C-alpha atoms as a PDB file:
ATOM      1  CA  UNK A   1      57.788 150.395-151.493  1.00  0.00           C
ATOM      2  CA  UNK A   2      54.113 151.015-150.956  1.00  0.00           C
ATOM      3  CA  UNK A   3      52.488 147.726-151.146  1.00  0.00           C
ATOM      4  CA  UNK A   4      48.786 148.573-150.492  1.00  0.00           C
ATOM      5  CA  UNK A   5      46.549 151.613-149.814  1.00  0.00           C
ATOM      6  CA  UNK A   6      44.276 151.007-146.974  1.00  0.00           C
ATOM      7  CA  UNK A   7      41.722 153.348-145.632  1.00  0.00           C
ATOM      8  CA  UNK A   8      40.721 153.381-141.938  1.00  0.00           C
ATOM      9  CA  UNK A   9      37.840 154.802-140.066  1.00  0.00           C
ATOM     10  CA  UNK A  10      38.320 155.432-136.450  1.00  0.00           C
ATOM     11  CA  UNK A  11      41.901 155.745-137.118  1.00  0.00           C
ATOM     12  CA  UNK A  12      42.585 157.738-134.006  1.00  0.00           C
ATOM     13  CA  UNK A  13      40.971 155.191-131.778  1.00  0.00           C
ATOM     14  CA  UNK A  14      42.837 152.556-129.731  1.00  0.00           C
ATOM     15  CA  UNK A  15      42.602 149.944-132.362  1.00  0.00           C
ATOM     16  CA  UNK A  16      42.802 152.214-135.339  1.00  0.00           C
ATOM     17  CA  UNK A  17      45.890 154.026-134.284  1.00  0.00           C
ATOM     18  CA  UNK A  18      47.654 150.862-133.572  1.00  0.00           C
ATOM     19  CA  UNK A  19      46.518 149.335-136.935  1.00  0.00           C
ATOM     20  CA  UNK A  20      47.791 152.544-138.775  1.00  0.00           C
ATOM     21  CA  UNK A  21      51.255 152.265-137.051  1.00  0.00           C
ATOM     22  CA  UNK A  22      51.669 148.699-138.182  1.00  0.00           C
ATOM     23  CA  UNK A  23      50.648 149.217-141.667  1.00  0.00           C
ATOM     24  CA  UNK A  24      52.560 152.267-142.337  1.00  0.00           C
ATOM     25  CA  UNK A  25      55.726 150.335-140.815  1.00  0.00           C
ATOM     26  CA  UNK A  26      55.278 147.510-143.164  1.00  0.00           C
ATOM     27  CA  UNK A  27      55.289 150.011-146.086  1.00  0.00           C
ATOM     28  CA  UNK A  28      51.618 150.416-146.866  1.00  0.00           C
ATOM     29  CA  UNK A  29      49.930 153.700-147.429  1.00  0.00           C
ATOM     30  CA  UNK A  30      47.251 154.595-145.144  1.00  0.00           C
ATOM     31  CA  UNK A  31      44.416 156.956-145.548  1.00  0.00           C
ATOM     32  CA  UNK A  32      42.414 158.223-142.679  1.00  0.00           C
ATOM     33  CA  UNK A  33      38.556 159.070-142.549  1.00  0.00           C
ATOM     34  CA  UNK A  34      37.948 162.392-141.141  1.00  0.00           C
ATOM     35  CA  UNK A  35      34.920 164.254-140.129  1.00  0.00           C
ATOM     36  CA  UNK A  36      36.587 167.784-140.300  1.00  0.00           C
ATOM     37  CA  UNK A  37      37.807 169.672-143.065  1.00  0.00           C
ATOM     38  CA  UNK A  38      38.033 168.538-146.712  1.00  0.00           C
ATOM     39  CA  UNK A  39      39.809 165.742-148.286  1.00  0.00           C
ATOM     40  CA  UNK A  40      43.454 165.482-148.637  1.00  0.00           C
ATOM     41  CA  UNK A  41      46.377 163.012-149.933  1.00  0.00           C
ATOM     42  CA  UNK A  42      45.910 161.166-146.778  1.00  0.00           C
ATOM     43  CA  UNK A  43      42.509 161.748-145.531  1.00  0.00           C
ATOM     44  CA  UNK A  44      38.783 161.237-146.973  1.00  0.00           C
ATOM     45  CA  UNK A  45      36.233 163.519-145.824  1.00  0.00           C
ATOM     46  CA  UNK A  46      32.801 162.125-144.581  1.00  0.00           C
ATOM     47  CA  UNK A  47      30.131 162.839-142.217  1.00  0.00           C
ATOM     48  CA  UNK A  48      27.805 159.815-141.780  1.00  0.00           C
ATOM     49  CA  UNK A  49      25.475 161.564-139.529  1.00  0.00           C
ATOM     50  CA  UNK A  50      24.458 163.674-142.474  1.00  0.00           C
ATOM     51  CA  UNK A  51      25.269 160.969-145.139  1.00  0.00           C
ATOM     52  CA  UNK A  52      28.241 162.540-146.759  1.00  0.00           C
ATOM     53  CA  UNK A  53      31.334 161.106-148.019  1.00  0.00           C
ATOM     54  CA  UNK A  54      34.001 162.046-150.758  1.00  0.00           C
ATOM     55  CA  UNK A  55      33.618 158.786-152.286  1.00  0.00           C
ATOM     56  CA  UNK A  56      35.779 159.526-155.129  1.00  0.00           C
ATOM     57  CA  UNK A  57      38.694 159.563-152.742  1.00  0.00           C
ATOM     58  CA  UNK A  58      38.302 155.696-152.375  1.00  0.00           C
ATOM     59  CA  UNK A  59      39.326 155.046-156.092  1.00  0.00           C
ATOM     60  CA  UNK A  60      42.583 153.326-155.927  1.00  0.00           C
ATOM     61  CA  UNK A  61      42.073 152.252-152.309  1.00  0.00           C
ATOM     62  CA  UNK A  62      42.674 148.512-151.961  1.00  0.00           C
ATOM     63  CA  UNK A  63      40.794 147.810-148.738  1.00  0.00           C
ATOM     64  CA  UNK A  64      38.768 149.583-145.873  1.00  0.00           C
ATOM     65  CA  UNK A  65      39.145 148.934-142.313  1.00  0.00           C
ATOM     66  CA  UNK A  66      35.941 150.308-140.605  1.00  0.00           C
ATOM     67  CA  UNK A  67      36.449 150.781-136.893  1.00  0.00           C
ATOM     68  CA  UNK A  68      34.386 154.160-136.196  1.00  0.00           C
ATOM     69  CA  UNK A  69      31.620 154.183-133.547  1.00  0.00           C
ATOM     70  CA  UNK A  70      30.442 155.850-130.444  1.00  0.00           C
ATOM     71  CA  UNK A  71      32.150 154.261-127.487  1.00  0.00           C
ATOM     72  CA  UNK A  72      30.147 151.521-125.606  1.00  0.00           C
ATOM     73  CA  UNK A  73      31.467 152.325-122.311  1.00  0.00           C
ATOM     74  CA  UNK A  74      31.886 156.161-122.498  1.00  0.00           C
ATOM     75  CA  UNK A  75      28.753 157.424-121.110  1.00  0.00           C
ATOM     76  CA  UNK A  76      25.629 156.163-119.220  1.00  0.00           C
ATOM     77  CA  UNK A  77      23.200 154.324-121.416  1.00  0.00           C
ATOM     78  CA  UNK A  78      20.413 156.706-121.490  1.00  0.00           C
ATOM     79  CA  UNK A  79      17.989 156.253-124.259  1.00  0.00           C
ATOM     80  CA  UNK A  80      19.690 159.101-126.216  1.00  0.00           C
ATOM     81  CA  UNK A  81      22.856 157.513-126.013  1.00  0.00           C
ATOM     82  CA  UNK A  82      21.957 154.057-126.896  1.00  0.00           C
ATOM     83  CA  UNK A  83      20.448 155.345-129.859  1.00  0.00           C
ATOM     84  CA  UNK A  84      23.829 157.229-130.749  1.00  0.00           C
ATOM     85  CA  UNK A  85      25.865 154.181-130.028  1.00  0.00           C
ATOM     86  CA  UNK A  86      23.540 152.032-132.598  1.00  0.00           C
ATOM     87  CA  UNK A  87      23.317 155.102-135.299  1.00  0.00           C
ATOM     88  CA  UNK A  88      27.044 155.623-135.367  1.00  0.00           C
ATOM     89  CA  UNK A  89      27.543 152.132-136.333  1.00  0.00           C
ATOM     90  CA  UNK A  90      24.750 151.486-138.716  1.00  0.00           C
ATOM     91  CA  UNK A  91      24.758 154.773-140.745  1.00  0.00           C
ATOM     92  CA  UNK A  92      28.552 154.833-141.042  1.00  0.00           C
ATOM     93  CA  UNK A  93      28.478 151.227-142.213  1.00  0.00           C
ATOM     94  CA  UNK A  94      25.643 151.576-144.702  1.00  0.00           C
ATOM     95  CA  UNK A  95      27.228 154.946-145.897  1.00  0.00           C
ATOM     96  CA  UNK A  96      30.551 153.388-146.489  1.00  0.00           C
ATOM     97  CA  UNK A  97      29.211 150.245-147.923  1.00  0.00           C
ATOM     98  CA  UNK A  98      26.921 152.064-150.524  1.00  0.00           C
ATOM     99  CA  UNK A  99      29.880 154.307-151.291  1.00  0.00           C
ATOM    100  CA  UNK A 100      32.145 151.337-152.014  1.00  0.00           C
ATOM    101  CA  UNK A 101      29.532 149.352-154.057  1.00  0.00           C
ATOM    102  CA  UNK A 102      29.028 152.623-156.541  1.00  0.00           C
ATOM    103  CA  UNK A 103      32.718 152.650-157.524  1.00  0.00           C
ATOM    104  CA  UNK A 104      33.911 150.309-160.302  1.00  0.00           C
ATOM    105  CA  UNK A 105      37.577 150.921-159.329  1.00  0.00           C
ATOM    106  CA  UNK A 106      36.885 151.298-155.503  1.00  0.00           C
ATOM    107  CA  UNK A 107      38.037 149.185-152.733  1.00  0.00           C
ATOM    108  CA  UNK A 108      37.360 145.408-153.180  1.00  0.00           C
ATOM    109  CA  UNK A 109      37.649 144.407-149.308  1.00  0.00           C
ATOM    110  CA  UNK A 110      35.659 145.654-146.457  1.00  0.00           C
ATOM    111  CA  UNK A 111      36.740 144.752-142.838  1.00  0.00           C
ATOM    112  CA  UNK A 112      33.883 146.165-140.841  1.00  0.00           C
ATOM    113  CA  UNK A 113      33.928 146.533-137.172  1.00  0.00           C
ATOM    114  CA  UNK A 114      31.634 144.304-135.007  1.00  0.00           C
ATOM    115  CA  UNK A 115      31.786 142.749-131.459  1.00  0.00           C
ATOM    116  CA  UNK A 116      31.458 139.612-129.434  1.00  0.00           C
ATOM    117  CA  UNK A 117      28.390 141.071-127.863  1.00  0.00           C
ATOM    118  CA  UNK A 118      26.437 139.506-130.955  1.00  0.00           C
ATOM    119  CA  UNK A 119      26.386 136.283-129.000  1.00  0.00           C
ATOM    120  CA  UNK A 120      24.572 137.830-125.990  1.00  0.00           C
ATOM    121  CA  UNK A 121      25.800 136.586-122.453  1.00  0.00           C
ATOM    122  CA  UNK A 122      26.114 133.206-121.184  1.00  0.00           C
ATOM    123  CA  UNK A 123      27.893 131.316-118.261  1.00  0.00           C
ATOM    124  CA  UNK A 124      28.063 127.998-119.915  1.00  0.00           C
ATOM    125  CA  UNK A 125      27.624 128.259-123.648  1.00  0.00           C
ATOM    126  CA  UNK A 126      30.838 128.264-125.902  1.00  0.00           C
ATOM    127  CA  UNK A 127      30.417 130.560-128.920  1.00  0.00           C
ATOM    128  CA  UNK A 128      32.129 130.314-132.470  1.00  0.00           C
ATOM    129  CA  UNK A 129      31.090 132.165-135.533  1.00  0.00           C
ATOM    130  CA  UNK A 130      28.466 129.435-136.392  1.00  0.00           C
ATOM    131  CA  UNK A 131      26.491 130.381-133.130  1.00  0.00           C
ATOM    132  CA  UNK A 132      23.278 132.301-133.492  1.00  0.00           C
ATOM    133  CA  UNK A 133      22.827 136.013-132.465  1.00  0.00           C
ATOM    134  CA  UNK A 134      21.780 136.565-128.588  1.00  0.00           C
ATOM    135  CA  UNK A 135      19.637 138.977-127.039  1.00  0.00           C
ATOM    136  CA  UNK A 136      19.908 142.207-125.619  1.00  0.00           C
ATOM    137  CA  UNK A 137      20.802 145.686-126.526  1.00  0.00           C
ATOM    138  CA  UNK A 138      24.534 144.922-127.510  1.00  0.00           C
ATOM    139  CA  UNK A 139      23.527 141.622-129.550  1.00  0.00           C
ATOM    140  CA  UNK A 140      20.802 143.882-131.355  1.00  0.00           C
ATOM    141  CA  UNK A 141      23.329 146.614-132.064  1.00  0.00           C
ATOM    142  CA  UNK A 142      25.905 144.067-133.563  1.00  0.00           C
ATOM    143  CA  UNK A 143      23.288 142.289-135.908  1.00  0.00           C
ATOM    144  CA  UNK A 144      22.008 145.776-137.291  1.00  0.00           C
ATOM    145  CA  UNK A 145      25.496 146.841-137.632  1.00  0.00           C
ATOM    146  CA  UNK A 146      26.734 143.788-139.581  1.00  0.00           C
ATOM    147  CA  UNK A 147      23.394 144.008-141.826  1.00  0.00           C
ATOM    148  CA  UNK A 148      24.263 147.648-142.768  1.00  0.00           C
ATOM    149  CA  UNK A 149      27.052 146.252-144.808  1.00  0.00           C
ATOM    150  CA  UNK A 150      24.765 144.546-147.193  1.00  0.00           C
ATOM    151  CA  UNK A 151      25.377 146.909-150.062  1.00  0.00           C
ATOM    152  CA  UNK A 152      28.886 145.885-150.133  1.00  0.00           C
ATOM    153  CA  UNK A 153      28.113 142.358-149.881  1.00  0.00           C
ATOM    154  CA  UNK A 154      25.570 142.472-152.790  1.00  0.00           C
ATOM    155  CA  UNK A 155      28.382 144.264-154.820  1.00  0.00           C
ATOM    156  CA  UNK A 156      30.792 141.283-154.601  1.00  0.00           C
ATOM    157  CA  UNK A 157      33.042 143.126-152.165  1.00  0.00           C
ATOM    158  CA  UNK A 158      34.851 140.755-149.821  1.00  0.00           C
ATOM    159  CA  UNK A 159      33.343 141.671-146.349  1.00  0.00           C
ATOM    160  CA  UNK A 160      34.414 140.390-142.958  1.00  0.00           C
ATOM    161  CA  UNK A 161      32.741 141.442-139.662  1.00  0.00           C
ATOM    162  CA  UNK A 162      35.519 141.849-137.076  1.00  0.00           C
ATOM    163  CA  UNK A 163      33.732 140.518-133.815  1.00  0.00           C
ATOM    164  CA  UNK A 164      36.325 141.705-131.543  1.00  0.00           C
ATOM    165  CA  UNK A 165      36.513 140.759-127.734  1.00  0.00           C
ATOM    166  CA  UNK A 166      38.153 142.697-124.923  1.00  0.00           C
ATOM    167  CA  UNK A 167      41.025 144.450-126.475  1.00  0.00           C
ATOM    168  CA  UNK A 168      44.020 144.525-123.783  1.00  0.00           C
ATOM    169  CA  UNK A 169      46.242 147.564-123.964  1.00  0.00           C
ATOM    170  CA  UNK A 170      47.639 149.851-121.251  1.00  0.00           C
ATOM    171  CA  UNK A 171      47.065 152.660-123.665  1.00  0.00           C
ATOM    172  CA  UNK A 172      43.293 152.265-123.451  1.00  0.00           C
ATOM    173  CA  UNK A 173      40.181 150.387-123.022  1.00  0.00           C
ATOM    174  CA  UNK A 174      39.293 148.073-119.881  1.00  0.00           C
ATOM    175  CA  UNK A 175      43.065 147.424-118.803  1.00  0.00           C
ATOM    176  CA  UNK A 176      43.869 150.988-118.631  1.00  0.00           C
ATOM    177  CA  UNK A 177      40.991 151.760-116.530  1.00  0.00           C
ATOM    178  CA  UNK A 178      41.954 148.730-114.266  1.00  0.00           C
ATOM    179  CA  UNK A 179      45.717 149.316-113.731  1.00  0.00           C
ATOM    180  CA  UNK A 180      45.274 152.194-111.007  1.00  0.00           C
ATOM    181  CA  UNK A 181      43.187 150.193-108.881  1.00  0.00           C
ATOM    182  CA  UNK A 182      45.300 146.939-109.172  1.00  0.00           C
ATOM    183  CA  UNK A 183      48.707 148.733-109.045  1.00  0.00           C
ATOM    184  CA  UNK A 184      47.208 150.161-105.413  1.00  0.00           C
ATOM    185  CA  UNK A 185      46.132 146.551-104.572  1.00  0.00           C
ATOM    186  CA  UNK A 186      42.460 147.753-104.579  1.00  0.00           C
ATOM    187  CA  UNK A 187      41.505 145.486-107.313  1.00  0.00           C
ATOM    188  CA  UNK A 188      39.228 142.396-107.051  1.00  0.00           C
ATOM    189  CA  UNK A 189      36.934 140.136-108.996  1.00  0.00           C
ATOM    190  CA  UNK A 190      33.853 141.745-110.208  1.00  0.00           C
ATOM    191  CA  UNK A 191      30.631 140.137-108.773  1.00  0.00           C
ATOM    192  CA  UNK A 192      30.828 136.165-108.837  1.00  0.00           C
ATOM    193  CA  UNK A 193      33.915 136.242-111.137  1.00  0.00           C
ATOM    194  CA  UNK A 194      32.190 133.120-113.057  1.00  0.00           C
ATOM    195  CA  UNK A 195      31.190 135.705-116.147  1.00  0.00           C
ATOM    196  CA  UNK A 196      33.571 134.855-119.115  1.00  0.00           C
ATOM    197  CA  UNK A 197      35.953 137.306-120.616  1.00  0.00           C
ATOM    198  CA  UNK A 198      37.004 136.702-124.113  1.00  0.00           C
ATOM    199  CA  UNK A 199      40.099 138.782-124.428  1.00  0.00           C
ATOM    200  CA  UNK A 200      42.647 139.568-127.172  1.00  0.00           C
ATOM    201  CA  UNK A 201      45.929 141.673-126.843  1.00  0.00           C
ATOM    202  CA  UNK A 202      46.309 144.835-128.946  1.00  0.00           C
ATOM    203  CA  UNK A 203      49.269 143.053-130.894  1.00  0.00           C
ATOM    204  CA  UNK A 204      47.215 140.456-131.976  1.00  0.00           C
ATOM    205  CA  UNK A 205      44.044 142.541-132.854  1.00  0.00           C
ATOM    206  CA  UNK A 206      45.952 144.554-135.282  1.00  0.00           C
ATOM    207  CA  UNK A 207      47.993 141.606-136.503  1.00  0.00           C
ATOM    208  CA  UNK A 208      44.859 139.446-137.043  1.00  0.00           C
ATOM    209  CA  UNK A 209      43.394 142.474-138.892  1.00  0.00           C
ATOM    210  CA  UNK A 210      46.451 142.631-141.234  1.00  0.00           C
ATOM    211  CA  UNK A 211      46.060 138.937-141.679  1.00  0.00           C
ATOM    212  CA  UNK A 212      42.683 139.116-142.832  1.00  0.00           C
ATOM    213  CA  UNK A 213      43.478 141.960-145.210  1.00  0.00           C
ATOM    214  CA  UNK A 214      45.946 139.402-146.938  1.00  0.00           C
ATOM    215  CA  UNK A 215      43.442 136.381-146.977  1.00  0.00           C
ATOM    216  CA  UNK A 216      40.309 135.808-148.532  1.00  0.00           C
ATOM    217  CA  UNK A 217      38.346 135.325-145.509  1.00  0.00           C
ATOM    218  CA  UNK A 218      34.584 136.763-145.634  1.00  0.00           C
ATOM    219  CA  UNK A 219      31.839 136.639-142.899  1.00  0.00           C
ATOM    220  CA  UNK A 220      32.018 136.616-139.302  1.00  0.00           C
ATOM    221  CA  UNK A 221      35.377 136.444-137.484  1.00  0.00           C
ATOM    222  CA  UNK A 222      35.774 136.244-133.923  1.00  0.00           C
ATOM    223  CA  UNK A 223      39.186 138.422-132.858  1.00  0.00           C
ATOM    224  CA  UNK A 224      39.536 136.821-129.627  1.00  0.00           C
ATOM    225  CA  UNK A 225      42.575 134.914-128.019  1.00  0.00           C
ATOM    226  CA  UNK A 226      41.987 131.042-127.924  1.00  0.00           C
ATOM    227  CA  UNK A 227      42.019 131.036-124.096  1.00  0.00           C
ATOM    228  CA  UNK A 228      39.204 133.007-122.781  1.00  0.00           C
ATOM    229  CA  UNK A 229      39.150 133.034-119.166  1.00  0.00           C
ATOM    230  CA  UNK A 230      36.757 134.006-116.123  1.00  0.00           C
ATOM    231  CA  UNK A 231      36.743 137.360-114.500  1.00  0.00           C
ATOM    232  CA  UNK A 232      37.971 135.623-111.568  1.00  0.00           C
ATOM    233  CA  UNK A 233      41.020 134.084-113.278  1.00  0.00           C
ATOM    234  CA  UNK A 234      41.640 137.497-115.028  1.00  0.00           C
ATOM    235  CA  UNK A 235      41.683 139.208-111.898  1.00  0.00           C
ATOM    236  CA  UNK A 236      44.102 136.586-110.326  1.00  0.00           C
ATOM    237  CA  UNK A 237      46.661 136.867-113.258  1.00  0.00           C
ATOM    238  CA  UNK A 238      46.578 140.601-113.542  1.00  0.00           C
ATOM    239  CA  UNK A 239      47.333 140.883-109.747  1.00  0.00           C
ATOM    240  CA  UNK A 240      49.998 138.126-110.126  1.00  0.00           C
ATOM    241  CA  UNK A 241      51.720 140.084-113.018  1.00  0.00           C
ATOM    242  CA  UNK A 242      51.666 143.320-110.934  1.00  0.00           C
ATOM    243  CA  UNK A 243      52.544 141.449-107.841  1.00  0.00           C
ATOM    244  CA  UNK A 244      49.898 142.968-105.995  1.00  0.00           C
ATOM    245  CA  UNK A 245      47.239 141.652-103.766  1.00  0.00           C
ATOM    246  CA  UNK A 246      43.449 141.477-105.176  1.00  0.00           C
ATOM    247  CA  UNK A 247      41.336 139.888-102.249  1.00  0.00           C
ATOM    248  CA  UNK A 248      38.264 141.849-102.053  1.00  0.00           C
ATOM    249  CA  UNK A 249      35.493 141.182-104.590  1.00  0.00           C
ATOM    250  CA  UNK A 250      33.880 144.457-106.031  1.00  0.00           C
ATOM    251  CA  UNK A 251      30.294 144.200-105.204  1.00  0.00           C
ATOM    252  CA  UNK A 252      27.733 144.904-107.965  1.00  0.00           C
ATOM    253  CA  UNK A 253      25.971 147.792-106.266  1.00  0.00           C
ATOM    254  CA  UNK A 254      28.736 150.386-106.809  1.00  0.00           C
ATOM    255  CA  UNK A 255      29.410 149.841-110.499  1.00  0.00           C
ATOM    256  CA  UNK A 256      25.666 149.724-111.211  1.00  0.00           C
ATOM    257  CA  UNK A 257      25.073 152.814-109.296  1.00  0.00           C
ATOM    258  CA  UNK A 258      28.017 154.643-110.920  1.00  0.00           C
ATOM    259  CA  UNK A 259      27.198 153.554-114.568  1.00  0.00           C
ATOM    260  CA  UNK A 260      23.735 152.469-114.320  1.00  0.00           C
ATOM    261  CA  UNK A 261      22.639 149.012-114.103  1.00  0.00           C
ATOM    262  CA  UNK A 262      22.249 147.948-117.739  1.00  0.00           C
ATOM    263  CA  UNK A 263      25.608 149.316-118.699  1.00  0.00           C
ATOM    264  CA  UNK A 264      27.662 147.834-115.578  1.00  0.00           C
ATOM    265  CA  UNK A 265      25.962 144.630-116.282  1.00  0.00           C
ATOM    266  CA  UNK A 266      27.028 144.590-119.937  1.00  0.00           C
ATOM    267  CA  UNK A 267      30.472 145.574-119.517  1.00  0.00           C
ATOM    268  CA  UNK A 268      31.323 143.976-116.137  1.00  0.00           C
ATOM    269  CA  UNK A 269      29.039 141.499-114.614  1.00  0.00           C
ATOM    270  CA  UNK A 270      28.020 139.423-117.689  1.00  0.00           C
ATOM    271  CA  UNK A 271      30.233 137.996-120.741  1.00  0.00           C
ATOM    272  CA  UNK A 272      30.434 135.093-123.119  1.00  0.00           C
ATOM    273  CA  UNK A 273      33.162 132.218-124.098  1.00  0.00           C
ATOM    274  CA  UNK A 274      33.932 133.118-127.640  1.00  0.00           C
ATOM    275  CA  UNK A 275      36.479 130.994-129.695  1.00  0.00           C
ATOM    276  CA  UNK A 276      38.404 132.368-132.905  1.00  0.00           C
ATOM    277  CA  UNK A 277      37.479 129.573-135.139  1.00  0.00           C
ATOM    278  CA  UNK A 278      37.877 131.219-138.237  1.00  0.00           C
ATOM    279  CA  UNK A 279      41.008 132.745-137.452  1.00  0.00           C
ATOM    280  CA  UNK A 280      42.500 129.495-136.552  1.00  0.00           C
ATOM    281  CA  UNK A 281      41.238 127.790-139.802  1.00  0.00           C
ATOM    282  CA  UNK A 282      42.562 130.558-141.872  1.00  0.00           C
ATOM    283  CA  UNK A 283      46.281 129.752-140.611  1.00  0.00           C
ATOM    284  CA  UNK A 284      46.697 132.801-138.165  1.00  0.00           C
ATOM    285  CA  UNK A 285      49.195 132.282-135.395  1.00  0.00           C
ATOM    286  CA  UNK A 286      48.621 134.172-132.154  1.00  0.00           C
ATOM    287  CA  UNK A 287      51.426 136.414-130.666  1.00  0.00           C
ATOM    288  CA  UNK A 288      49.999 135.855-127.144  1.00  0.00           C
ATOM    289  CA  UNK A 289      47.971 132.900-126.727  1.00  0.00           C
ATOM    290  CA  UNK A 290      47.611 132.922-122.968  1.00  0.00           C
ATOM    291  CA  UNK A 291      46.608 135.939-120.542  1.00  0.00           C
ATOM    292  CA  UNK A 292      49.764 136.108-118.655  1.00  0.00           C
ATOM    293  CA  UNK A 293      52.139 136.065-121.474  1.00  0.00           C
ATOM    294  CA  UNK A 294      50.033 138.905-122.995  1.00  0.00           C
ATOM    295  CA  UNK A 295      49.650 140.788-119.601  1.00  0.00           C
ATOM    296  CA  UNK A 296      53.669 140.562-119.092  1.00  0.00           C
ATOM    297  CA  UNK A 297      54.523 141.667-122.563  1.00  0.00           C
ATOM    298  CA  UNK A 298      52.121 144.606-122.548  1.00  0.00           C
ATOM    299  CA  UNK A 299      52.909 145.767-118.913  1.00  0.00           C
ATOM    300  CA  UNK A 300      56.485 145.105-119.434  1.00  0.00           C
ATOM    301  CA  UNK A 301      56.705 142.717-116.570  1.00  0.00           C
END
């Protein structure tokens, strides 16, 4: 029996596809936003770039999980691509929030994507949801991304911002990119290795989102495991799980040359220690609380 109808943007992405699978397995009806064609029983047509959305299809939907946005690490950070990263998040969120706010019988819950880049970078500060926004491009994107949901908040729609950390999955993201090197024994720590990596397994990511759909939590929520680790420790544990050496550090000049300095620094050579305070206080129980357990499960080791 269908218990809820949940609409998902970015449903074909790493998190969105895993979330859709979990929800449908639990008996929920999932409706996917699509930029191609027209709406159907299982899709909602929209085009955030031109401000178009089939808002009527939101009637009867219980909640929306908004995960769409141009990939942070997909391309070099040219000025044009940085604008695309920002606009793909702010325009889509504002369009969705306004459409939801306009409906008397529309969704009353919005879980809107964000990221731990909100806090900026630090080697020694521990961040939770009460921490102030940091500085830099990613922090600015996250601040403006969250602000774009204001129409939903003003309409009394329960709105939570999913400040997601590094999602670990062999199917995509950072872990998928690292695995070939580490399996060859060519992996190593990035730079000094002192930078923090606040990670979460894909299982906990989607489980936590489902948990937030069922609770009354609003505002910022850090989706990170309770045991952030340094990059050097992450490297050591991944090599241990794969039973491969990881002896040589990766000098910063190579990735900076390949990706561009700003992108390489943001993704590889800086980080932040982020704790999931709101999740913990809301009663969420982590499936994978430590890195080695998570990696062994994900990699079937």
